[in-house]
Protein backbone atom coordinates (compact mmCIF):
# COMPACT_ATOMS: atom_id res chain seq x y z
CA MET A 1 40.63 31.40 5.77
CA ALA A 2 40.79 28.67 3.14
CA ARG A 3 41.42 26.10 5.86
CA GLY A 4 38.29 27.22 7.69
CA GLY A 5 36.27 27.00 4.48
CA GLY A 6 37.54 23.47 3.92
CA ALA A 7 36.53 22.49 7.44
CA TRP A 8 33.04 23.86 6.91
CA ALA A 9 32.77 22.00 3.59
CA ALA A 10 33.86 18.76 5.23
CA ALA A 11 31.38 19.27 8.08
CA ALA A 12 28.58 19.98 5.61
CA THR A 13 29.49 16.86 3.65
CA VAL A 14 29.38 14.70 6.77
CA LEU A 15 26.08 16.27 7.86
CA LEU A 16 24.43 15.74 4.48
CA TRP A 17 25.70 12.19 4.29
CA TRP A 18 24.42 11.43 7.79
CA MET A 19 21.00 12.92 7.05
CA ALA A 20 20.51 11.11 3.75
CA ALA A 21 22.24 7.81 4.42
CA GLY A 22 19.22 6.19 6.04
CA ALA A 23 21.37 3.57 7.73
CA GLY A 24 21.56 2.45 11.29
CA ALA A 25 22.40 -0.59 13.35
CA VAL A 26 20.13 -1.27 16.32
CA TRP A 27 20.21 -3.80 19.15
CA LEU A 28 16.96 -5.48 20.08
CA GLU A 29 16.40 -7.51 23.24
CA ILE A 30 13.61 -9.96 22.50
CA SER A 31 11.74 -11.39 25.47
CA PRO A 32 9.98 -14.77 25.36
CA SER A 33 6.53 -13.24 25.77
CA ALA A 34 6.55 -10.59 23.05
CA SER A 35 7.99 -9.62 19.71
CA LYS A 36 10.10 -6.58 18.96
CA CYS A 37 9.43 -4.41 15.93
CA VAL A 38 11.33 -1.69 14.11
CA SER A 39 9.64 0.65 11.66
CA GLU A 40 10.83 3.29 9.26
CA GLU A 41 9.02 5.62 6.92
CA ILE A 42 10.35 5.11 3.40
CA GLN A 43 9.47 6.56 0.04
CA ALA A 44 8.43 4.50 -2.97
CA ASN A 45 11.01 2.91 -5.30
CA VAL A 46 13.74 2.85 -2.65
CA VAL A 47 16.07 -0.09 -2.04
CA VAL A 48 16.02 -1.48 1.51
CA ILE A 49 18.53 -3.97 2.91
CA GLY A 50 18.51 -5.39 6.42
CA ASP A 51 21.09 -7.75 7.93
CA TYR A 52 20.13 -9.37 11.22
CA THR A 53 22.01 -11.69 13.57
CA VAL A 54 20.84 -13.37 16.77
CA LEU A 55 23.22 -13.42 19.73
CA TYR A 56 22.94 -15.31 22.99
CA GLU A 57 25.25 -15.28 25.99
CA HIS A 58 25.38 -19.06 26.54
CA HIS A 59 27.36 -20.85 23.87
CA HIS A 60 25.46 -24.12 24.22
CA ALA A 61 22.23 -22.43 23.13
CA ASP A 62 21.45 -21.73 19.50
CA PRO A 63 18.25 -19.65 19.53
CA THR A 64 16.36 -18.80 16.37
CA VAL A 65 13.74 -16.21 15.54
CA THR A 66 10.85 -15.63 13.19
CA VAL A 67 11.12 -12.52 11.04
CA LYS A 68 8.30 -10.69 9.29
CA VAL A 69 8.64 -7.50 7.27
CA THR A 70 5.42 -5.86 6.12
CA SER A 71 4.59 -2.94 3.85
CA PRO A 72 2.40 0.06 4.82
CA TYR A 73 -0.64 -1.83 3.49
CA GLY A 74 0.17 -4.99 5.43
CA ASP A 75 1.65 -6.97 2.53
CA LEU A 76 4.37 -9.42 3.55
CA VAL A 77 7.67 -8.54 1.86
CA HIS A 78 9.89 -10.88 3.89
CA HIS A 79 9.14 -13.88 6.10
CA LYS A 80 11.61 -16.34 7.60
CA GLU A 81 11.25 -18.83 10.45
CA LYS A 82 13.89 -20.51 12.61
CA VAL A 83 16.78 -18.34 11.45
CA SER A 84 19.72 -17.04 13.45
CA THR A 85 21.28 -14.84 10.79
CA ASP A 86 19.92 -13.71 7.44
CA GLN A 87 19.19 -10.72 5.24
CA PHE A 88 16.11 -9.13 3.71
CA ALA A 89 16.30 -6.97 0.62
CA PHE A 90 13.51 -5.40 -1.40
CA THR A 91 12.48 -2.29 -3.31
CA THR A 92 9.56 -0.39 -1.81
CA ALA A 93 6.41 -0.43 -3.91
CA GLU A 94 4.66 2.38 -2.03
CA ALA A 95 5.60 5.10 0.43
CA GLY A 96 4.86 4.68 4.11
CA ASN A 97 5.95 2.86 7.27
CA TYR A 98 7.67 -0.48 6.74
CA LEU A 99 7.64 -2.73 9.79
CA ALA A 100 10.14 -5.46 10.69
CA CYS A 101 9.10 -7.71 13.60
CA PHE A 102 11.19 -10.35 15.37
CA SER A 103 9.91 -13.03 17.75
CA ILE A 104 11.52 -16.03 19.42
CA ASP A 105 10.64 -19.42 17.97
CA GLY A 106 8.54 -21.89 19.96
CA GLU A 107 11.33 -24.14 21.22
CA ASN A 108 13.23 -21.15 22.61
CA LYS A 109 10.37 -19.56 24.59
CA ARG A 110 12.38 -19.48 27.82
CA LEU A 111 15.26 -17.53 26.34
CA VAL A 112 15.87 -13.80 26.17
CA VAL A 113 17.95 -13.13 23.08
CA LYS A 114 19.62 -10.10 21.60
CA LEU A 115 19.46 -9.31 17.93
CA ASN A 116 21.59 -6.96 15.90
CA LEU A 117 19.79 -5.34 12.97
CA ASP A 118 21.66 -3.33 10.35
CA TRP A 119 18.90 -1.47 8.49
CA ARG A 120 20.03 0.39 5.35
CA VAL A 121 17.88 2.50 3.06
CA GLY A 122 18.50 4.30 -0.21
CA ILE A 123 22.03 5.39 -0.96
CA ALA A 124 23.30 3.57 2.15
CA THR A 125 22.66 0.31 0.26
CA LYS A 126 25.01 1.24 -2.57
CA ASP A 127 28.29 -0.56 -2.97
CA TRP A 128 30.49 2.47 -3.48
CA ASP A 129 33.58 0.35 -4.16
CA SER A 130 31.83 -1.23 -7.14
CA VAL A 131 30.59 2.18 -8.30
CA ALA A 132 34.11 3.59 -8.06
CA LYS A 133 35.55 0.71 -10.08
CA LYS A 134 32.81 0.85 -12.69
CA GLU A 135 32.91 4.62 -13.13
CA LYS A 136 36.67 4.79 -12.56
CA LEU A 137 36.25 7.26 -9.73
CA GLU A 138 38.62 7.91 -6.89
CA GLY A 139 39.36 10.43 -4.17
CA VAL A 140 37.48 13.72 -4.47
CA GLU A 141 35.44 12.58 -7.47
CA LEU A 142 33.99 9.66 -5.53
CA GLU A 143 33.18 11.88 -2.55
CA LEU A 144 31.44 14.35 -4.86
CA VAL A 145 29.32 11.55 -6.32
CA LYS A 146 28.40 10.47 -2.78
CA LEU A 147 27.55 14.05 -1.88
CA GLU A 148 25.39 14.45 -5.00
CA SER A 149 23.47 11.29 -4.12
CA ALA A 150 23.02 12.53 -0.54
CA VAL A 151 21.73 15.91 -1.72
CA GLN A 152 19.30 14.21 -4.11
CA ALA A 153 18.01 11.98 -1.30
CA ILE A 154 17.54 14.99 0.99
CA HIS A 155 15.71 16.84 -1.79
CA GLU A 156 13.35 13.90 -2.26
CA ASN A 157 12.74 13.75 1.49
CA LEU A 158 11.95 17.47 1.56
CA LEU A 159 9.47 17.03 -1.30
CA LEU A 160 7.85 14.18 0.62
CA LEU A 161 7.61 16.33 3.75
CA ARG A 162 6.06 19.15 1.73
CA SER A 163 3.49 16.74 0.30
CA LYS A 164 2.66 15.42 3.76
CA GLU A 165 2.38 18.96 5.14
CA ALA A 166 -0.04 19.85 2.34
CA ASP A 167 -2.11 16.74 3.06
CA MET A 168 -2.19 17.57 6.77
CA ARG A 169 -3.19 21.15 6.01
CA ASP A 170 -6.03 19.97 3.74
CA THR A 171 -7.20 17.53 6.41
CA SER A 172 -7.08 20.25 9.06
CA GLU A 173 -9.07 22.65 6.88
CA LYS A 174 -11.70 19.99 6.14
CA THR A 175 -11.94 19.14 9.84
CA ASN A 176 -12.36 22.81 10.77
CA ALA A 177 -15.07 23.23 8.13
CA ARG A 178 -16.93 20.18 9.44
CA VAL A 179 -16.63 21.36 13.04
CA THR A 180 -17.97 24.78 12.04
CA LEU A 181 -20.89 23.17 10.20
CA LEU A 182 -21.62 20.90 13.15
CA SER A 183 -21.53 23.85 15.54
CA LEU A 184 -23.91 25.80 13.30
CA MET A 185 -26.28 22.83 13.06
CA SER A 186 -26.16 22.38 16.85
CA LEU A 187 -26.98 26.06 17.34
CA ILE A 188 -29.92 25.82 14.91
CA VAL A 189 -31.22 22.71 16.68
CA CYS A 190 -30.93 24.44 20.07
CA ILE A 191 -32.86 27.45 18.78
CA ILE A 192 -35.58 25.22 17.29
CA VAL A 193 -35.88 23.18 20.52
CA SER A 194 -36.03 26.35 22.61
CA GLY A 195 -38.76 27.75 20.33
CA LEU A 196 -40.75 24.52 20.59
CA GLN A 197 -40.40 24.50 24.37
CA LEU A 198 -41.62 28.09 24.53
CA TRP A 199 -44.57 27.30 22.24
CA TYR A 200 -45.45 24.21 24.32
CA LEU A 201 -45.38 26.22 27.56
CA GLN A 202 -47.63 28.88 26.04
CA GLN A 203 -50.11 26.24 24.90
CA TYR A 204 -49.99 24.56 28.29
CA PHE A 205 -50.63 27.78 30.22
CA ARG A 206 -53.50 28.69 27.90
CA LYS A 207 -55.14 25.33 28.44
CA LYS A 208 -54.80 25.78 32.17
CA LYS A 209 -56.12 29.36 31.74
CA LEU A 210 -53.09 30.70 33.51
CA VAL A 211 -52.49 33.32 30.86
C-alpha cells in the first residue's frame, strides 16, 4: 500500500512540474516568403528565457535570421538581425501574449531553414543546481522545493484564469444588456413607424374620401 502511495506521489509531482514548468522546445521551418511566430500567454513579473539556433542541411550554407520579440502592447523586448544562434531573456512587465517572430535575412531568401527554439518561462528558467548549492539542498529536500515552486506557479495561473473568467463574464453580461436594450429600442421604433404608417393611411383615405 505504501508503494502505491509513493507511486501516486511521484506521478503527482511529475504532473505538477509538467504543468507549471512552462518550458518547451519547438522546431520551426521558416520559408523564404514568410516569417514564423511563436506566442505564449505569460503573467507579469515572470522571467522568460529563449535559446534559438538555426540549422540548415547543407554545410556550405550559413543562413541567418532576424528575431523580434514583442510584448502584448507591441513593445519590442528583443531584436536581433543576422544571427544564427542567440538567446533572449527578459522579465515580463505586463500580462498577456508575448510574440517571438523569426524571418530569414535578405541574402538567404532562397533558403528554407529550420530553427530550434527552447522557450522557458517562470520556474523552468531557474538554475536548480545553483539553488541547491546556495541553499545546501539535496535529494528529497530539493525535490520538495521544486514541487513548492510548481504548486505556487499553478496557483498563480489559477488566479489568472479566475480573473480572466470574471472579465469574460462581465463582458458577456454587458453585451447581453446592450443587446436587450437594442432589441427594446428596435421594437419601440417598429411600433412608432407602424403607428405613423397607420396614421398616414388614415389621412390619405380621408383626403381621397374613401373613408
